[in-house]
Protein backbone atom coordinates (compact mmCIF):
# COMPACT_ATOMS: atom_id res chain seq x y z
CA ALA A 1 -46.79 12.14 0.76
CA GLU A 2 -46.67 14.39 3.79
CA GLY A 3 -47.31 12.46 6.95
CA ALA A 4 -46.88 9.12 5.29
CA GLU A 5 -45.27 6.32 7.26
CA ILE A 6 -41.60 5.66 6.47
CA THR A 7 -40.90 2.04 5.73
CA ALA A 8 -38.12 0.61 7.91
CA SER A 9 -35.15 -0.60 5.96
CA SER A 10 -32.97 -3.67 6.66
CA PRO A 11 -29.47 -2.71 5.42
CA ALA A 12 -27.00 -5.48 4.81
CA LEU A 13 -23.78 -4.93 6.69
CA ASN A 14 -20.42 -6.03 5.35
CA GLN A 15 -18.05 -7.60 7.85
CA VAL A 16 -14.35 -8.39 7.57
CA SER A 17 -12.03 -10.04 10.11
CA PHE A 18 -8.31 -10.25 10.00
CA GLY A 19 -5.21 -11.05 12.06
CA THR A 20 -2.47 -8.53 12.75
CA HIS A 21 1.14 -8.55 11.81
CA LYS A 22 3.56 -7.89 14.72
CA ILE A 23 6.45 -5.75 13.54
CA GLY A 24 9.54 -5.49 15.82
CA LEU A 25 12.96 -3.92 15.71
CA LEU A 26 15.83 -4.18 18.09
CA VAL A 27 18.45 -1.49 17.80
CA PRO A 28 21.77 -1.67 19.75
CA PHE A 29 23.71 1.55 20.43
CA SER A 30 26.55 2.67 22.65
CA ASN A 31 25.83 4.10 26.07
CA GLU A 32 27.97 7.11 25.10
CA SER A 33 25.37 8.08 22.46
CA LEU A 34 22.75 8.33 25.18
CA ARG A 35 24.53 11.40 26.53
CA TYR A 36 23.83 13.30 23.30
CA GLU A 37 20.22 14.26 22.68
CA ASP A 38 20.73 14.68 18.93
CA ALA A 39 22.15 11.15 18.62
CA VAL A 40 19.19 9.63 20.36
CA THR A 41 16.82 11.57 18.13
CA LEU A 42 18.66 10.39 15.03
CA ILE A 43 18.57 6.78 16.24
CA THR A 44 14.86 6.95 17.05
CA ASP A 45 13.90 8.63 13.77
CA SER A 46 15.88 6.15 11.73
CA ALA A 47 14.39 3.20 13.54
CA THR A 48 10.87 4.61 13.14
CA LYS A 49 11.37 4.97 9.36
CA THR A 50 12.58 1.38 9.21
CA LEU A 51 9.55 0.19 11.07
CA VAL A 52 7.16 2.14 8.79
CA ALA A 53 8.92 0.75 5.77
CA LYS A 54 8.35 -2.79 7.08
CA ALA A 55 4.67 -1.93 7.62
CA ASP A 56 4.44 -0.66 4.05
CA ASN A 57 5.96 -3.88 2.71
CA LEU A 58 3.49 -5.99 4.64
CA PHE A 59 0.51 -3.90 3.56
CA LEU A 60 1.49 -3.97 -0.07
CA ALA A 61 3.45 -7.15 -0.61
CA ALA A 62 3.02 -9.63 2.23
CA GLU A 63 2.77 -13.24 0.91
CA LYS A 64 -0.31 -15.28 1.55
CA ASP A 65 -0.27 -16.81 5.07
CA THR A 66 -0.43 -20.63 4.77
CA ASN A 67 -2.52 -20.66 7.95
CA GLY A 68 -4.99 -18.10 6.58
CA ILE A 69 -4.73 -15.83 9.61
CA LEU A 70 -2.50 -12.95 8.68
CA PRO A 71 -3.64 -10.55 5.90
CA THR A 72 -2.12 -10.85 2.41
CA GLY A 73 -0.55 -7.78 0.87
CA ILE A 74 -2.68 -5.91 -1.65
CA ALA A 75 -0.34 -6.71 -4.56
CA LYS A 76 -0.36 -10.44 -3.71
CA MET A 77 -4.13 -10.94 -3.30
CA ASP A 78 -5.76 -13.37 -5.69
CA ALA A 79 -7.22 -11.93 -8.88
CA ALA A 80 -11.00 -12.17 -9.29
CA THR A 81 -12.35 -15.00 -11.38
CA ASP A 82 -15.85 -15.99 -12.57
CA THR A 83 -16.28 -18.14 -9.45
CA ALA A 84 -14.12 -16.42 -6.78
CA ALA A 85 -13.77 -12.93 -5.37
CA GLY A 86 -10.50 -11.05 -5.78
CA VAL A 87 -8.93 -7.86 -7.03
CA THR A 88 -9.76 -6.67 -10.52
CA GLU A 89 -6.70 -7.49 -12.59
CA VAL A 90 -5.79 -6.48 -16.09
CA THR A 91 -2.65 -7.38 -17.97
CA ALA A 92 -1.68 -4.73 -20.55
CA THR A 93 -1.56 -6.09 -24.12
CA SER A 94 1.85 -4.43 -24.49
CA LYS A 95 4.06 -2.02 -22.53
CA ALA A 96 2.88 0.78 -24.88
CA LYS A 97 -0.73 0.01 -23.95
CA THR A 98 -0.16 0.23 -20.13
CA LEU A 99 -2.06 3.49 -19.78
CA ASP A 100 -5.07 1.96 -21.55
CA ALA A 101 -4.93 -0.88 -19.03
CA VAL A 102 -4.84 1.55 -16.07
CA LEU A 103 -7.85 3.36 -17.48
CA ASP A 104 -9.59 0.01 -18.05
CA VAL A 105 -9.02 -1.04 -14.40
CA LEU A 106 -10.20 2.31 -13.06
CA SER A 107 -13.41 2.06 -15.09
CA LYS A 108 -14.04 -1.54 -14.07
CA THR A 109 -13.47 -0.95 -10.38
CA THR A 110 -15.50 2.26 -10.42
CA ASP A 111 -18.39 0.43 -12.05
CA LYS A 112 -18.19 -2.01 -9.11
CA GLY A 113 -18.59 0.83 -6.60
CA ALA A 114 -14.96 1.81 -5.98
CA THR A 115 -13.85 5.32 -5.09
CA PRO A 116 -10.37 5.58 -6.66
CA THR A 117 -8.17 7.36 -4.18
CA ALA A 118 -4.62 6.54 -5.38
CA ILE A 119 -2.60 4.82 -8.10
CA VAL A 120 0.40 3.14 -6.41
CA MET A 121 3.59 1.88 -8.04
CA ARG A 122 7.34 1.94 -7.66
CA PHE A 123 9.16 4.76 -9.40
CA SER A 124 10.77 2.50 -12.00
CA THR A 125 7.31 1.54 -13.21
CA TRP A 126 6.41 5.22 -13.39
CA ALA A 127 9.50 5.73 -15.53
CA THR A 128 8.14 3.07 -17.87
CA LEU A 129 4.95 5.07 -18.23
CA LEU A 130 6.81 8.30 -18.83
CA ALA A 131 8.72 6.71 -21.69
CA ILE A 132 5.53 5.74 -23.59
CA THR A 133 5.13 8.04 -26.63
CA ALA A 134 2.54 8.59 -29.35
CA THR A 135 3.25 7.81 -32.95
CA ASP A 136 4.58 11.34 -33.48
CA GLY A 137 7.04 10.96 -30.58
CA ARG A 138 5.12 13.04 -28.07
CA PRO A 139 4.98 11.62 -24.52
CA LEU A 140 1.50 10.35 -23.60
CA ILE A 141 1.92 11.73 -20.06
CA GLU A 142 2.07 15.56 -20.33
CA PRO A 143 5.24 17.32 -18.99
CA ASP A 144 3.21 19.28 -16.43
CA VAL A 145 2.26 15.95 -14.85
CA THR A 146 5.85 14.78 -14.68
CA ALA A 147 6.99 18.05 -13.16
CA SER A 148 4.36 18.06 -10.43
CA ALA A 149 5.25 17.14 -6.88
CA THR A 150 1.90 15.34 -6.69
CA PRO A 151 1.33 13.76 -10.16
CA MET A 152 -2.08 12.70 -11.20
CA LEU A 153 -3.31 10.12 -13.70
CA PHE A 154 -6.94 10.13 -14.79
CA ASN A 155 -7.68 12.62 -12.02
CA THR A 156 -6.29 10.10 -9.39
CA PRO A 157 -3.15 10.83 -7.26
CA VAL A 158 -0.07 8.78 -8.09
CA LEU A 159 1.97 7.53 -5.10
CA PHE A 160 5.35 5.89 -5.23
CA ASN A 161 6.35 3.03 -2.97
CA SER A 162 9.23 0.62 -3.56
CA SER A 163 7.30 -2.17 -1.80
CA VAL A 164 5.02 -2.52 -4.81
CA PRO A 165 6.40 -5.41 -6.95
CA ALA A 166 8.08 -4.44 -10.18
CA ASN A 167 5.90 -3.98 -13.26
CA THR A 168 2.76 -3.77 -11.06
CA ILE A 169 0.39 -0.92 -10.72
CA LEU A 170 -2.31 -0.83 -7.98
CA THR A 171 -5.46 1.27 -7.96
CA MET A 172 -6.73 1.84 -4.46
CA SER A 173 -10.13 2.56 -3.03
CA ALA A 174 -9.57 3.71 0.52
CA PRO A 175 -13.21 3.33 1.76
CA ASP A 176 -13.03 -0.36 0.95
CA VAL A 177 -9.83 -1.07 2.94
CA ILE A 178 -10.09 -1.44 6.69
CA VAL A 179 -6.76 -0.81 8.49
CA SER A 180 -5.99 -1.26 12.17
CA VAL A 181 -2.60 0.03 13.26
CA SER A 182 -1.18 0.49 16.73
CA ASN A 183 1.11 3.22 18.05
CA ILE A 184 4.81 2.46 17.99
CA THR A 185 5.99 1.48 21.44
CA ALA A 186 9.69 2.07 22.28
CA ASP A 187 11.60 0.75 25.28
CA THR A 188 15.28 1.04 26.17
CA ASP A 189 17.24 -1.43 28.25
CA SER A 190 20.81 -0.85 29.45
CA SER A 191 21.28 -4.36 30.85
CA TYR A 192 20.57 -6.39 27.66
CA MET A 193 24.14 -5.76 26.38
CA PHE A 194 25.77 -5.12 29.76
CA ASN A 195 29.06 -6.84 28.93
CA SER A 196 29.75 -4.52 25.98
CA ASP A 197 28.73 -1.22 27.57
CA ARG A 198 25.84 -0.90 25.13
CA SER A 199 22.10 -0.53 25.37
CA ALA A 200 19.30 -1.68 23.12
CA MET A 201 16.12 -0.04 21.98
CA ARG A 202 13.08 -2.26 21.19
CA MET A 203 10.36 -0.87 19.00
CA ILE A 204 7.09 -2.72 18.28
CA MET A 205 3.89 -2.06 16.37
CA ARG A 206 0.96 -4.06 15.06
CA LEU A 207 -0.71 -3.81 11.72
CA GLY A 208 -3.82 -5.44 10.47
CA PHE A 209 -5.95 -4.84 7.37
CA GLY A 210 -8.70 -6.28 5.34
CA VAL A 211 -10.63 -5.58 2.21
CA VAL A 212 -14.39 -5.51 2.28
CA LYS A 213 -14.92 -5.78 -1.47
CA PRO A 214 -11.62 -6.82 -3.12
CA GLU A 215 -13.06 -6.35 -6.62
CA ARG A 216 -13.00 -2.61 -5.98
CA LEU A 217 -9.16 -2.69 -5.88
CA GLY A 218 -7.33 -2.90 -9.23
CA ARG A 219 -4.03 -4.34 -10.35
CA VAL A 220 -2.34 -3.73 -13.70
CA ILE A 221 0.42 -6.05 -14.85
CA VAL A 222 2.94 -4.33 -17.12
CA PRO A 223 4.41 -6.76 -19.70
CA ALA A 224 8.10 -6.89 -20.53
CA LYS A 225 7.54 -5.67 -24.10
């Protein structure tokens, strides 16, 4: 009613803590190359791509830390059980039923509050999905999807990353993943390899991440047959 007192709420806050992976790269190169701006740019760009690829691999596929400090990659997190939290995992009953399993995971995670933002897999797994056909031989994934530069499945963007393990499909919910990443720092030293007339570039970044509600992330296991 107008003018009525508003009752104060006591919201429950979710907290997550995690360690950070330190990613480093040491790139030697000749001092002659320093005289050419294009060469330095090529070296820096290539090293940056390598560093980012390492970060992708840690985010998606880092093994569980035996000390329990560093975060485990999304694809390697434990699956949820009746007694323990974890990602929502579904194993397709057959390779031909993989799309059914993806839809099943999306529905389960969404029911648990997820906001599906991406389906992530390596391209070879995507090729497996493209090869699935109906009984009349028609592909289950429409040609306009396969031809798109940004394919979608069940109204969710599909992203390709080779760091996802083979025969594994991940469904992501970005609001439930907390990521902390530093800028890439780069330093060059001409004395490190002084006796060979070379210099070295050191590039370092840190990456940490945690999942507030792991059950809102999904994982589909694609069987061999």
